[in-house]
């Protein structure tokens, strides 16, 4: 489980949006099948968010270990059917997670490239 200081506000209208380690959040509660996902409360804008918001695991029902295994297989160039057999999930689940992780990776790449220094 990650430290709370690693998280940031996900509300784009909040003045603290994207800022980490500013001591403006706390654990509001827990949810999920085994209460394993924390619900975070941001004092600045009074918003609540899942600790998974902004990640490929947001709104996913697979257990974290299985989801990470699925994504690791895809990263290692395993096919959809092979990943389906190795992880023990339906092929539609493999495709859905792959698409979501791909969109997340593209957005992260675009954000990082926007802040990279220009070569002149």
PDB file of N, CA and C in Angstrom:
ATOM      1  N   UNK A   1       0.848  -1.179   0.000  1.00  0.00           N
ATOM      2  CA  UNK A   1       0.000   0.000   0.000  1.00  0.00           C
ATOM      3  C   UNK A   1       0.892   1.240   0.000  1.00  0.00           C
ATOM      4  N   UNK A   2       0.588   2.171  -0.891  1.00  0.00           N
ATOM      5  CA  UNK A   2       1.399   3.382  -1.014  1.00  0.00           C
ATOM      6  C   UNK A   2       1.075   4.381   0.085  1.00  0.00           C
ATOM      7  N   UNK A   3       2.074   5.189   0.413  1.00  0.00           N
ATOM      8  CA  UNK A   3       1.878   6.262   1.397  1.00  0.00           C
ATOM      9  C   UNK A   3       0.940   7.308   0.817  1.00  0.00           C
ATOM     10  N   UNK A   4       0.160   7.947   1.666  1.00  0.00           N
ATOM     11  CA  UNK A   4      -0.793   8.963   1.224  1.00  0.00           C
ATOM     12  C   UNK A   4      -0.092  10.128   0.533  1.00  0.00           C
ATOM     13  N   UNK A   5       1.127  10.423   0.925  1.00  0.00           N
ATOM     14  CA  UNK A   5       1.855  11.555   0.329  1.00  0.00           C
ATOM     15  C   UNK A   5       2.136  11.359  -1.151  1.00  0.00           C
ATOM     16  N   UNK A   6       2.012  10.139  -1.665  1.00  0.00           N
ATOM     17  CA  UNK A   6       2.256   9.855  -3.081  1.00  0.00           C
ATOM     18  C   UNK A   6       1.068  10.237  -3.966  1.00  0.00           C
ATOM     19  N   UNK A   7      -0.083  10.512  -3.359  1.00  0.00           N
ATOM     20  CA  UNK A   7      -1.290  10.811  -4.120  1.00  0.00           C
ATOM     21  C   UNK A   7      -1.466  12.319  -4.288  1.00  0.00           C
ATOM     22  N   UNK A   8      -2.276  12.696  -5.273  1.00  0.00           N
ATOM     23  CA  UNK A   8      -2.562  14.112  -5.505  1.00  0.00           C
ATOM     24  C   UNK A   8      -4.042  14.268  -5.844  1.00  0.00           C
ATOM     25  N   UNK A   9      -4.524  15.497  -5.803  1.00  0.00           N
ATOM     26  CA  UNK A   9      -5.929  15.772  -6.099  1.00  0.00           C
ATOM     27  C   UNK A   9      -6.210  15.510  -7.577  1.00  0.00           C
ATOM     28  N   UNK A  10      -7.334  14.858  -7.863  1.00  0.00           N
ATOM     29  CA  UNK A  10      -7.732  14.529  -9.231  1.00  0.00           C
ATOM     30  C   UNK A  10      -8.773  15.501  -9.776  1.00  0.00           C
ATOM     31  N   UNK A  11      -9.171  16.482  -8.969  1.00  0.00           N
ATOM     32  CA  UNK A  11     -10.165  17.470  -9.378  1.00  0.00           C
ATOM     33  C   UNK A  11      -9.456  18.606 -10.113  1.00  0.00           C
ATOM     34  N   UNK A  12      -9.703  18.746 -11.412  1.00  0.00           N
ATOM     35  CA  UNK A  12      -9.000  19.738 -12.229  1.00  0.00           C
ATOM     36  C   UNK A  12      -9.312  21.177 -11.819  1.00  0.00           C
ATOM     37  N   UNK A  13     -10.409  21.397 -11.117  1.00  0.00           N
ATOM     38  CA  UNK A  13     -10.775  22.754 -10.681  1.00  0.00           C
ATOM     39  C   UNK A  13     -10.126  23.132  -9.342  1.00  0.00           C
ATOM     40  N   UNK A  14      -9.485  22.177  -8.703  1.00  0.00           N
ATOM     41  CA  UNK A  14      -8.867  22.404  -7.402  1.00  0.00           C
ATOM     42  C   UNK A  14      -7.531  23.131  -7.558  1.00  0.00           C
ATOM     43  N   UNK A  15      -7.239  24.107  -6.693  1.00  0.00           N
ATOM     44  CA  UNK A  15      -5.937  24.790  -6.773  1.00  0.00           C
ATOM     45  C   UNK A  15      -4.755  23.862  -6.487  1.00  0.00           C
ATOM     46  N   UNK A  16      -5.003  22.746  -5.804  1.00  0.00           N
ATOM     47  CA  UNK A  16      -3.942  21.790  -5.498  1.00  0.00           C
ATOM     48  C   UNK A  16      -3.917  20.613  -6.479  1.00  0.00           C
ATOM     49  N   UNK A  17      -4.574  20.739  -7.626  1.00  0.00           N
ATOM     50  CA  UNK A  17      -4.632  19.664  -8.611  1.00  0.00           C
ATOM     51  C   UNK A  17      -3.218  19.242  -9.028  1.00  0.00           C
ATOM     52  N   UNK A  18      -2.945  17.953  -8.903  1.00  0.00           N
ATOM     53  CA  UNK A  18      -1.674  17.403  -9.336  1.00  0.00           C
ATOM     54  C   UNK A  18      -0.512  17.606  -8.376  1.00  0.00           C
ATOM     55  N   UNK A  19      -0.709  18.335  -7.288  1.00  0.00           N
ATOM     56  CA  UNK A  19       0.375  18.572  -6.323  1.00  0.00           C
ATOM     57  C   UNK A  19       0.430  17.426  -5.323  1.00  0.00           C
ATOM     58  N   UNK A  20       1.620  16.931  -5.092  1.00  0.00           N
ATOM     59  CA  UNK A  20       1.824  15.835  -4.150  1.00  0.00           C
ATOM     60  C   UNK A  20       2.473  16.345  -2.874  1.00  0.00           C
ATOM     61  N   UNK A  21       2.210  15.621  -1.795  1.00  0.00           N
ATOM     62  CA  UNK A  21       2.864  15.874  -0.513  1.00  0.00           C
ATOM     63  C   UNK A  21       2.612  17.291   0.020  1.00  0.00           C
ATOM     64  N   UNK A  22       1.358  17.751  -0.058  1.00  0.00           N
ATOM     65  CA  UNK A  22       1.012  19.062   0.493  1.00  0.00           C
ATOM     66  C   UNK A  22       0.122  18.936   1.733  1.00  0.00           C
ATOM     67  N   UNK A  23       0.036  17.726   2.274  1.00  0.00           N
ATOM     68  CA  UNK A  23      -0.719  17.450   3.511  1.00  0.00           C
ATOM     69  C   UNK A  23      -2.158  17.935   3.463  1.00  0.00           C
ATOM     70  N   UNK A  24      -2.811  17.731   2.331  1.00  0.00           N
ATOM     71  CA  UNK A  24      -4.197  18.156   2.216  1.00  0.00           C
ATOM     72  C   UNK A  24      -5.157  16.981   2.042  1.00  0.00           C
ATOM     73  N   UNK A  25      -4.703  15.761   2.319  1.00  0.00           N
ATOM     74  CA  UNK A  25      -5.607  14.635   2.152  1.00  0.00           C
ATOM     75  C   UNK A  25      -5.515  13.656   3.303  1.00  0.00           C
ATOM     76  N   UNK A  26      -6.600  12.909   3.439  1.00  0.00           N
ATOM     77  CA  UNK A  26      -6.680  11.899   4.492  1.00  0.00           C
ATOM     78  C   UNK A  26      -7.514  10.732   3.976  1.00  0.00           C
ATOM     79  N   UNK A  27      -7.463   9.622   4.687  1.00  0.00           N
ATOM     80  CA  UNK A  27      -8.264   8.460   4.321  1.00  0.00           C
ATOM     81  C   UNK A  27      -9.662   8.660   4.888  1.00  0.00           C
ATOM     82  N   UNK A  28     -10.648   8.668   4.019  1.00  0.00           N
ATOM     83  CA  UNK A  28     -12.034   8.908   4.405  1.00  0.00           C
ATOM     84  C   UNK A  28     -12.745   7.601   4.736  1.00  0.00           C
ATOM     85  N   UNK A  29     -12.337   6.528   4.069  1.00  0.00           N
ATOM     86  CA  UNK A  29     -12.954   5.231   4.284  1.00  0.00           C
ATOM     87  C   UNK A  29     -12.321   4.202   3.368  1.00  0.00           C
ATOM     88  N   UNK A  30     -12.925   3.038   3.322  1.00  0.00           N
ATOM     89  CA  UNK A  30     -12.438   1.955   2.468  1.00  0.00           C
ATOM     90  C   UNK A  30     -13.624   1.314   1.774  1.00  0.00           C
ATOM     91  N   UNK A  31     -13.362   0.737   0.604  1.00  0.00           N
ATOM     92  CA  UNK A  31     -14.418   0.037  -0.105  1.00  0.00           C
ATOM     93  C   UNK A  31     -13.809  -1.081  -0.937  1.00  0.00           C
ATOM     94  N   UNK A  32     -14.637  -1.802  -1.651  1.00  0.00           N
ATOM     95  CA  UNK A  32     -14.199  -2.964  -2.420  1.00  0.00           C
ATOM     96  C   UNK A  32     -14.647  -4.235  -1.732  1.00  0.00           C
ATOM     97  N   UNK A  33     -14.414  -5.337  -2.402  1.00  0.00           N
ATOM     98  CA  UNK A  33     -14.870  -6.630  -1.895  1.00  0.00           C
ATOM     99  C   UNK A  33     -14.346  -6.918  -0.487  1.00  0.00           C
ATOM    100  N   UNK A  34     -13.088  -6.621  -0.251  1.00  0.00           N
ATOM    101  CA  UNK A  34     -12.490  -6.864   1.066  1.00  0.00           C
ATOM    102  C   UNK A  34     -12.068  -5.565   1.745  1.00  0.00           C
ATOM    103  N   UNK A  35     -12.704  -4.461   1.388  1.00  0.00           N
ATOM    104  CA  UNK A  35     -12.339  -3.138   1.908  1.00  0.00           C
ATOM    105  C   UNK A  35     -10.846  -2.861   1.722  1.00  0.00           C
ATOM    106  N   UNK A  36     -10.324  -3.187   0.569  1.00  0.00           N
ATOM    107  CA  UNK A  36      -8.901  -3.046   0.313  1.00  0.00           C
ATOM    108  C   UNK A  36      -8.537  -1.775  -0.457  1.00  0.00           C
ATOM    109  N   UNK A  37      -9.516  -1.021  -0.927  1.00  0.00           N
ATOM    110  CA  UNK A  37      -9.260   0.216  -1.677  1.00  0.00           C
ATOM    111  C   UNK A  37      -9.614   1.403  -0.791  1.00  0.00           C
ATOM    112  N   UNK A  38      -8.680   2.325  -0.649  1.00  0.00           N
ATOM    113  CA  UNK A  38      -8.916   3.496   0.205  1.00  0.00           C
ATOM    114  C   UNK A  38      -9.664   4.586  -0.558  1.00  0.00           C
ATOM    115  N   UNK A  39     -10.549   5.257   0.150  1.00  0.00           N
ATOM    116  CA  UNK A  39     -11.241   6.430  -0.362  1.00  0.00           C
ATOM    117  C   UNK A  39     -10.555   7.636   0.264  1.00  0.00           C
ATOM    118  N   UNK A  40      -9.996   8.502  -0.570  1.00  0.00           N
ATOM    119  CA  UNK A  40      -9.218   9.635  -0.078  1.00  0.00           C
ATOM    120  C   UNK A  40     -10.053  10.906  -0.094  1.00  0.00           C
ATOM    121  N   UNK A  41      -9.862  11.749   0.905  1.00  0.00           N
ATOM    122  CA  UNK A  41     -10.578  13.019   1.036  1.00  0.00           C
ATOM    123  C   UNK A  41      -9.569  14.161   0.922  1.00  0.00           C
ATOM    124  N   UNK A  42      -9.827  15.104   0.015  1.00  0.00           N
ATOM    125  CA  UNK A  42      -8.956  16.260  -0.195  1.00  0.00           C
ATOM    126  C   UNK A  42      -9.582  17.471   0.481  1.00  0.00           C
ATOM    127  N   UNK A  43      -8.891  18.016   1.458  1.00  0.00           N
ATOM    128  CA  UNK A  43      -9.415  19.133   2.253  1.00  0.00           C
ATOM    129  C   UNK A  43      -9.586  20.409   1.440  1.00  0.00           C
ATOM    130  N   UNK A  44      -8.697  20.668   0.489  1.00  0.00           N
ATOM    131  CA  UNK A  44      -8.733  21.920  -0.263  1.00  0.00           C
ATOM    132  C   UNK A  44     -10.053  22.104  -1.011  1.00  0.00           C
ATOM    133  N   UNK A  45     -10.450  21.091  -1.769  1.00  0.00           N
ATOM    134  CA  UNK A  45     -11.677  21.205  -2.572  1.00  0.00           C
ATOM    135  C   UNK A  45     -12.824  20.356  -2.026  1.00  0.00           C
ATOM    136  N   UNK A  46     -12.575  19.681  -0.904  1.00  0.00           N
ATOM    137  CA  UNK A  46     -13.576  18.838  -0.246  1.00  0.00           C
ATOM    138  C   UNK A  46     -14.112  17.728  -1.154  1.00  0.00           C
ATOM    139  N   UNK A  47     -13.233  17.156  -1.973  1.00  0.00           N
ATOM    140  CA  UNK A  47     -13.599  16.069  -2.876  1.00  0.00           C
ATOM    141  C   UNK A  47     -13.112  14.741  -2.330  1.00  0.00           C
ATOM    142  N   UNK A  48     -13.777  13.671  -2.755  1.00  0.00           N
ATOM    143  CA  UNK A  48     -13.369  12.321  -2.387  1.00  0.00           C
ATOM    144  C   UNK A  48     -13.073  11.548  -3.663  1.00  0.00           C
ATOM    145  N   UNK A  49     -11.977  10.769  -3.627  1.00  0.00           N
ATOM    146  CA  UNK A  49     -11.584   9.984  -4.780  1.00  0.00           C
ATOM    147  C   UNK A  49     -11.047   8.639  -4.327  1.00  0.00           C
ATOM    148  N   UNK A  50     -11.195   7.657  -5.176  1.00  0.00           N
ATOM    149  CA  UNK A  50     -10.565   6.364  -4.954  1.00  0.00           C
ATOM    150  C   UNK A  50      -9.066   6.518  -5.152  1.00  0.00           C
ATOM    151  N   UNK A  51      -8.280   5.755  -4.408  1.00  0.00           N
ATOM    152  CA  UNK A  51      -6.835   5.808  -4.584  1.00  0.00           C
ATOM    153  C   UNK A  51      -6.431   5.269  -5.950  1.00  0.00           C
ATOM    154  N   UNK A  52      -7.331   4.592  -6.631  1.00  0.00           N
ATOM    155  CA  UNK A  52      -7.044   4.062  -7.965  1.00  0.00           C
ATOM    156  C   UNK A  52      -7.401   5.030  -9.088  1.00  0.00           C
ATOM    157  N   UNK A  53      -8.072   6.124  -8.781  1.00  0.00           N
ATOM    158  CA  UNK A  53      -8.447   7.071  -9.832  1.00  0.00           C
ATOM    159  C   UNK A  53      -7.184   7.598 -10.506  1.00  0.00           C
ATOM    160  N   UNK A  54      -7.217   7.665 -11.819  1.00  0.00           N
ATOM    161  CA  UNK A  54      -6.059   8.112 -12.572  1.00  0.00           C
ATOM    162  C   UNK A  54      -5.097   6.987 -12.913  1.00  0.00           C
ATOM    163  N   UNK A  55      -5.476   5.736 -12.618  1.00  0.00           N
ATOM    164  CA  UNK A  55      -4.651   4.576 -12.948  1.00  0.00           C
ATOM    165  C   UNK A  55      -5.461   3.623 -13.819  1.00  0.00           C
ATOM    166  N   UNK A  56      -4.792   2.693 -14.497  1.00  0.00           N
ATOM    167  CA  UNK A  56      -5.545   1.713 -15.295  1.00  0.00           C
ATOM    168  C   UNK A  56      -6.418   0.792 -14.445  1.00  0.00           C
ATOM    169  N   UNK A  57      -6.201   0.744 -13.147  1.00  0.00           N
ATOM    170  CA  UNK A  57      -6.982  -0.136 -12.278  1.00  0.00           C
ATOM    171  C   UNK A  57      -8.282   0.497 -11.779  1.00  0.00           C
ATOM    172  N   UNK A  58      -8.527   1.774 -12.121  1.00  0.00           N
ATOM    173  CA  UNK A  58      -9.734   2.460 -11.655  1.00  0.00           C
ATOM    174  C   UNK A  58     -10.976   1.764 -12.203  1.00  0.00           C
ATOM    175  N   UNK A  59     -11.930   1.472 -11.347  1.00  0.00           N
ATOM    176  CA  UNK A  59     -13.196   0.797 -11.643  1.00  0.00           C
ATOM    177  C   UNK A  59     -13.021  -0.637 -12.134  1.00  0.00           C
ATOM    178  N   UNK A  60     -11.895  -1.241 -11.861  1.00  0.00           N
ATOM    179  CA  UNK A  60     -11.670  -2.621 -12.253  1.00  0.00           C
ATOM    180  C   UNK A  60     -12.014  -3.543 -11.095  1.00  0.00           C
ATOM    181  N   UNK A  61     -12.597  -4.676 -11.421  1.00  0.00           N
ATOM    182  CA  UNK A  61     -13.067  -5.581 -10.389  1.00  0.00           C
ATOM    183  C   UNK A  61     -12.104  -6.738 -10.122  1.00  0.00           C
ATOM    184  N   UNK A  62     -11.125  -6.920 -11.000  1.00  0.00           N
ATOM    185  CA  UNK A  62     -10.135  -7.975 -10.746  1.00  0.00           C
ATOM    186  C   UNK A  62      -9.308  -7.618  -9.532  1.00  0.00           C
ATOM    187  N   UNK A  63      -8.854  -8.631  -8.816  1.00  0.00           N
ATOM    188  CA  UNK A  63      -7.957  -8.347  -7.707  1.00  0.00           C
ATOM    189  C   UNK A  63      -6.652  -7.792  -8.273  1.00  0.00           C
ATOM    190  N   UNK A  64      -6.005  -6.964  -7.500  1.00  0.00           N
ATOM    191  CA  UNK A  64      -4.832  -6.218  -7.962  1.00  0.00           C
ATOM    192  C   UNK A  64      -3.731  -7.147  -8.493  1.00  0.00           C
ATOM    193  N   UNK A  65      -3.478  -8.222  -7.789  1.00  0.00           N
ATOM    194  CA  UNK A  65      -2.412  -9.153  -8.170  1.00  0.00           C
ATOM    195  C   UNK A  65      -2.665  -9.736  -9.563  1.00  0.00           C
ATOM    196  N   UNK A  66      -3.921 -10.121  -9.817  1.00  0.00           N
ATOM    197  CA  UNK A  66      -4.282 -10.712 -11.101  1.00  0.00           C
ATOM    198  C   UNK A  66      -4.222  -9.666 -12.217  1.00  0.00           C
ATOM    199  N   UNK A  67      -4.675  -8.450 -11.942  1.00  0.00           N
ATOM    200  CA  UNK A  67      -4.643  -7.381 -12.944  1.00  0.00           C
ATOM    201  C   UNK A  67      -3.208  -7.035 -13.323  1.00  0.00           C
ATOM    202  N   UNK A  68      -2.331  -6.966 -12.341  1.00  0.00           N
ATOM    203  CA  UNK A  68      -0.926  -6.659 -12.615  1.00  0.00           C
ATOM    204  C   UNK A  68      -0.285  -7.793 -13.405  1.00  0.00           C
ATOM    205  N   UNK A  69      -0.613  -9.023 -13.065  1.00  0.00           N
ATOM    206  CA  UNK A  69      -0.101 -10.165 -13.817  1.00  0.00           C
ATOM    207  C   UNK A  69      -0.560 -10.095 -15.271  1.00  0.00           C
ATOM    208  N   UNK A  70      -1.816  -9.781 -15.490  1.00  0.00           N
ATOM    209  CA  UNK A  70      -2.363  -9.651 -16.839  1.00  0.00           C
ATOM    210  C   UNK A  70      -1.585  -8.594 -17.630  1.00  0.00           C
ATOM    211  N   UNK A  71      -1.373  -7.427 -17.034  1.00  0.00           N
ATOM    212  CA  UNK A  71      -0.670  -6.343 -17.726  1.00  0.00           C
ATOM    213  C   UNK A  71       0.801  -6.682 -17.959  1.00  0.00           C
ATOM    214  N   UNK A  72       1.418  -7.413 -17.038  1.00  0.00           N
ATOM    215  CA  UNK A  72       2.812  -7.836 -17.241  1.00  0.00           C
ATOM    216  C   UNK A  72       2.922  -8.794 -18.420  1.00  0.00           C
ATOM    217  N   UNK A  73       1.967  -9.707 -18.555  1.00  0.00           N
ATOM    218  CA  UNK A  73       1.985 -10.625 -19.694  1.00  0.00           C
ATOM    219  C   UNK A  73       1.831  -9.861 -21.007  1.00  0.00           C
ATOM    220  N   UNK A  74       0.951  -8.898 -21.030  1.00  0.00           N
ATOM    221  CA  UNK A  74       0.754  -8.102 -22.249  1.00  0.00           C
ATOM    222  C   UNK A  74       2.030  -7.321 -22.571  1.00  0.00           C
ATOM    223  N   UNK A  75       2.670  -6.766 -21.561  1.00  0.00           N
ATOM    224  CA  UNK A  75       3.927  -6.019 -21.770  1.00  0.00           C
ATOM    225  C   UNK A  75       5.037  -6.911 -22.318  1.00  0.00           C
ATOM    226  N   UNK A  76       4.989  -8.184 -21.979  1.00  0.00           N
ATOM    227  CA  UNK A  76       6.012  -9.125 -22.453  1.00  0.00           C
ATOM    228  C   UNK A  76       5.642  -9.742 -23.796  1.00  0.00           C
ATOM    229  N   UNK A  77       4.682  -9.128 -24.480  1.00  0.00           N
ATOM    230  CA  UNK A  77       4.257  -9.543 -25.831  1.00  0.00           C
ATOM    231  C   UNK A  77       3.546 -10.890 -25.876  1.00  0.00           C
ATOM    232  N   UNK A  78       2.943 -11.298 -24.786  1.00  0.00           N
ATOM    233  CA  UNK A  78       2.089 -12.486 -24.829  1.00  0.00           C
ATOM    234  C   UNK A  78       0.812 -12.103 -25.567  1.00  0.00           C
ATOM    235  N   UNK A  79       0.279 -12.995 -26.325  1.00  0.00           N
ATOM    236  CA  UNK A  79      -0.968 -12.731 -27.030  1.00  0.00           C
ATOM    237  C   UNK A  79      -2.150 -12.743 -26.078  1.00  0.00           C
ATOM    238  N   UNK A  80      -3.288 -12.335 -26.601  1.00  0.00           N
ATOM    239  CA  UNK A  80      -4.506 -12.264 -25.791  1.00  0.00           C
ATOM    240  C   UNK A  80      -4.897 -13.649 -25.289  1.00  0.00           C
ATOM    241  N   UNK A  81      -4.910 -14.645 -26.173  1.00  0.00           N
ATOM    242  CA  UNK A  81      -5.327 -15.995 -25.764  1.00  0.00           C
ATOM    243  C   UNK A  81      -4.342 -16.626 -24.782  1.00  0.00           C
ATOM    244  N   UNK A  82      -3.049 -16.392 -25.013  1.00  0.00           N
ATOM    245  CA  UNK A  82      -2.042 -16.945 -24.100  1.00  0.00           C
ATOM    246  C   UNK A  82      -2.181 -16.301 -22.717  1.00  0.00           C
ATOM    247  N   UNK A  83      -2.373 -14.978 -22.695  1.00  0.00           N
ATOM    248  CA  UNK A  83      -2.569 -14.267 -21.423  1.00  0.00           C
ATOM    249  C   UNK A  83      -3.834 -14.754 -20.734  1.00  0.00           C
ATOM    250  N   UNK A  84      -4.880 -14.987 -21.504  1.00  0.00           N
ATOM    251  CA  UNK A  84      -6.140 -15.503 -20.970  1.00  0.00           C
ATOM    252  C   UNK A  84      -5.901 -16.823 -20.223  1.00  0.00           C
ATOM    253  N   UNK A  85      -5.148 -17.724 -20.841  1.00  0.00           N
ATOM    254  CA  UNK A  85      -4.865 -19.023 -20.208  1.00  0.00           C
ATOM    255  C   UNK A  85      -3.964 -18.889 -18.992  1.00  0.00           C
ATOM    256  N   UNK A  86      -2.912 -18.084 -19.107  1.00  0.00           N
ATOM    257  CA  UNK A  86      -1.938 -17.973 -18.023  1.00  0.00           C
ATOM    258  C   UNK A  86      -2.508 -17.298 -16.780  1.00  0.00           C
ATOM    259  N   UNK A  87      -3.338 -16.276 -16.983  1.00  0.00           N
ATOM    260  CA  UNK A  87      -3.882 -15.515 -15.849  1.00  0.00           C
ATOM    261  C   UNK A  87      -5.189 -16.120 -15.343  1.00  0.00           C
ATOM    262  N   UNK A  88      -5.918 -16.785 -16.238  1.00  0.00           N
ATOM    263  CA  UNK A  88      -7.178 -17.401 -15.833  1.00  0.00           C
ATOM    264  C   UNK A  88      -8.351 -16.439 -15.873  1.00  0.00           C
ATOM    265  N   UNK A  89      -8.378 -15.592 -16.922  1.00  0.00           N
ATOM    266  CA  UNK A  89      -9.492 -14.655 -17.090  1.00  0.00           C
ATOM    267  C   UNK A  89     -10.029 -14.796 -18.511  1.00  0.00           C
ATOM    268  N   UNK A  90     -11.161 -14.188 -18.757  1.00  0.00           N
ATOM    269  CA  UNK A  90     -11.772 -14.207 -20.077  1.00  0.00           C
ATOM    270  C   UNK A  90     -10.974 -13.324 -21.043  1.00  0.00           C
ATOM    271  N   UNK A  91     -10.971 -13.690 -22.326  1.00  0.00           N
ATOM    272  CA  UNK A  91     -10.206 -12.913 -23.306  1.00  0.00           C
ATOM    273  C   UNK A  91     -10.743 -11.485 -23.447  1.00  0.00           C
ATOM    274  N   UNK A  92     -12.033 -11.281 -23.234  1.00  0.00           N
ATOM    275  CA  UNK A  92     -12.581  -9.917 -23.285  1.00  0.00           C
ATOM    276  C   UNK A  92     -12.003  -9.057 -22.162  1.00  0.00           C
ATOM    277  N   UNK A  93     -11.747  -9.675 -21.012  1.00  0.00           N
ATOM    278  CA  UNK A  93     -11.124  -8.960 -19.892  1.00  0.00           C
ATOM    279  C   UNK A  93      -9.709  -8.548 -20.263  1.00  0.00           C
ATOM    280  N   UNK A  94      -8.977  -9.435 -20.906  1.00  0.00           N
ATOM    281  CA  UNK A  94      -7.609  -9.122 -21.338  1.00  0.00           C
ATOM    282  C   UNK A  94      -7.631  -7.943 -22.310  1.00  0.00           C
ATOM    283  N   UNK A  95      -8.534  -7.983 -23.270  1.00  0.00           N
ATOM    284  CA  UNK A  95      -8.603  -6.888 -24.256  1.00  0.00           C
ATOM    285  C   UNK A  95      -9.018  -5.572 -23.605  1.00  0.00           C
ATOM    286  N   UNK A  96      -9.984  -5.621 -22.672  1.00  0.00           N
ATOM    287  CA  UNK A  96     -10.444  -4.401 -22.007  1.00  0.00           C
ATOM    288  C   UNK A  96      -9.318  -3.764 -21.186  1.00  0.00           C
ATOM    289  N   UNK A  97      -8.615  -4.576 -20.412  1.00  0.00           N
ATOM    290  CA  UNK A  97      -7.503  -4.053 -19.606  1.00  0.00           C
ATOM    291  C   UNK A  97      -6.394  -3.512 -20.500  1.00  0.00           C
ATOM    292  N   UNK A  98      -6.122  -4.205 -21.597  1.00  0.00           N
ATOM    293  CA  UNK A  98      -5.071  -3.755 -22.524  1.00  0.00           C
ATOM    294  C   UNK A  98      -5.411  -2.394 -23.114  1.00  0.00           C
ATOM    295  N   UNK A  99      -6.661  -2.229 -23.529  1.00  0.00           N
ATOM    296  CA  UNK A  99      -7.077  -0.932 -24.091  1.00  0.00           C
ATOM    297  C   UNK A  99      -6.969   0.180 -23.066  1.00  0.00           C
ATOM    298  N   UNK A 100      -7.462  -0.078 -21.864  1.00  0.00           N
ATOM    299  CA  UNK A 100      -7.418   0.948 -20.822  1.00  0.00           C
ATOM    300  C   UNK A 100      -5.987   1.303 -20.432  1.00  0.00           C
ATOM    301  N   UNK A 101      -5.131   0.299 -20.296  1.00  0.00           N
ATOM    302  CA  UNK A 101      -3.731   0.553 -19.952  1.00  0.00           C
ATOM    303  C   UNK A 101      -3.044   1.311 -21.083  1.00  0.00           C
ATOM    304  N   UNK A 102      -3.387   0.992 -22.321  1.00  0.00           N
ATOM    305  CA  UNK A 102      -2.812   1.701 -23.466  1.00  0.00           C
ATOM    306  C   UNK A 102      -3.208   3.169 -23.487  1.00  0.00           C
ATOM    307  N   UNK A 103      -4.478   3.454 -23.227  1.00  0.00           N
ATOM    308  CA  UNK A 103      -4.944   4.852 -23.175  1.00  0.00           C
ATOM    309  C   UNK A 103      -4.241   5.604 -22.049  1.00  0.00           C
ATOM    310  N   UNK A 104      -4.094   4.941 -20.910  1.00  0.00           N
ATOM    311  CA  UNK A 104      -3.425   5.561 -19.765  1.00  0.00           C
ATOM    312  C   UNK A 104      -1.960   5.843 -20.094  1.00  0.00           C
ATOM    313  N   UNK A 105      -1.300   4.881 -20.722  1.00  0.00           N
ATOM    314  CA  UNK A 105       0.112   5.051 -21.084  1.00  0.00           C
ATOM    315  C   UNK A 105       0.280   6.179 -22.095  1.00  0.00           C
ATOM    316  N   UNK A 106      -0.631   6.291 -23.054  1.00  0.00           N
ATOM    317  CA  UNK A 106      -0.549   7.367 -24.048  1.00  0.00           C
ATOM    318  C   UNK A 106      -0.718   8.729 -23.392  1.00  0.00           C
ATOM    319  N   UNK A 107      -1.697   8.846 -22.493  1.00  0.00           N
ATOM    320  CA  UNK A 107      -1.918  10.114 -21.795  1.00  0.00           C
ATOM    321  C   UNK A 107      -0.709  10.498 -20.949  1.00  0.00           C
ATOM    322  N   UNK A 108      -0.127   9.513 -20.261  1.00  0.00           N
ATOM    323  CA  UNK A 108       1.061   9.774 -19.449  1.00  0.00           C
ATOM    324  C   UNK A 108       2.237  10.182 -20.328  1.00  0.00           C
ATOM    325  N   UNK A 109       2.413   9.504 -21.442  1.00  0.00           N
ATOM    326  CA  UNK A 109       3.488   9.847 -22.377  1.00  0.00           C
ATOM    327  C   UNK A 109       3.330  11.277 -22.880  1.00  0.00           C
ATOM    328  N   UNK A 110       2.110  11.632 -23.300  1.00  0.00           N
ATOM    329  CA  UNK A 110       1.863  12.979 -23.812  1.00  0.00           C
ATOM    330  C   UNK A 110       2.142  14.041 -22.755  1.00  0.00           C
ATOM    331  N   UNK A 111       1.777  13.740 -21.508  1.00  0.00           N
ATOM    332  CA  UNK A 111       2.040  14.684 -20.416  1.00  0.00           C
ATOM    333  C   UNK A 111       3.528  14.828 -20.149  1.00  0.00           C
ATOM    334  N   UNK A 112       4.260  13.735 -20.135  1.00  0.00           N
ATOM    335  CA  UNK A 112       5.690  13.789 -19.877  1.00  0.00           C
ATOM    336  C   UNK A 112       6.462  14.462 -21.023  1.00  0.00           C
ATOM    337  N   UNK A 113       6.036  14.196 -22.239  1.00  0.00           N
ATOM    338  CA  UNK A 113       6.704  14.814 -23.389  1.00  0.00           C
ATOM    339  C   UNK A 113       6.474  16.324 -23.392  1.00  0.00           C
ATOM    340  N   UNK A 114       5.312  16.761 -22.937  1.00  0.00           N
ATOM    341  CA  UNK A 114       5.019  18.197 -22.898  1.00  0.00           C
ATOM    342  C   UNK A 114       5.957  18.935 -21.961  1.00  0.00           C
ATOM    343  N   UNK A 115       6.474  18.246 -20.926  1.00  0.00           N
ATOM    344  CA  UNK A 115       7.357  18.893 -19.959  1.00  0.00           C
ATOM    345  C   UNK A 115       8.834  18.573 -20.186  1.00  0.00           C
ATOM    346  N   UNK A 116       9.143  17.808 -21.221  1.00  0.00           N
ATOM    347  CA  UNK A 116      10.548  17.471 -21.451  1.00  0.00           C
ATOM    348  C   UNK A 116      11.276  18.678 -22.059  1.00  0.00           C
ATOM    349  N   UNK A 117      12.568  18.805 -21.774  1.00  0.00           N
ATOM    350  CA  UNK A 117      13.312  19.945 -22.302  1.00  0.00           C
ATOM    351  C   UNK A 117      13.477  19.855 -23.814  1.00  0.00           C
ATOM    352  N   UNK A 118      13.491  20.993 -24.458  1.00  0.00           N
ATOM    353  CA  UNK A 118      13.667  21.057 -25.908  1.00  0.00           C
ATOM    354  C   UNK A 118      15.138  20.908 -26.251  1.00  0.00           C
ATOM    355  N   UNK A 119      15.453  20.122 -27.263  1.00  0.00           N
ATOM    356  CA  UNK A 119      16.838  20.028 -27.752  1.00  0.00           C
ATOM    357  C   UNK A 119      17.053  21.100 -28.803  1.00  0.00           C
ATOM    358  N   UNK A 120      18.086  21.888 -28.617  1.00  0.00           N
ATOM    359  CA  UNK A 120      18.332  22.964 -29.573  1.00  0.00           C
ATOM    360  C   UNK A 120      19.730  22.884 -30.111  1.00  0.00           C
TER     361      UNK A 120
END
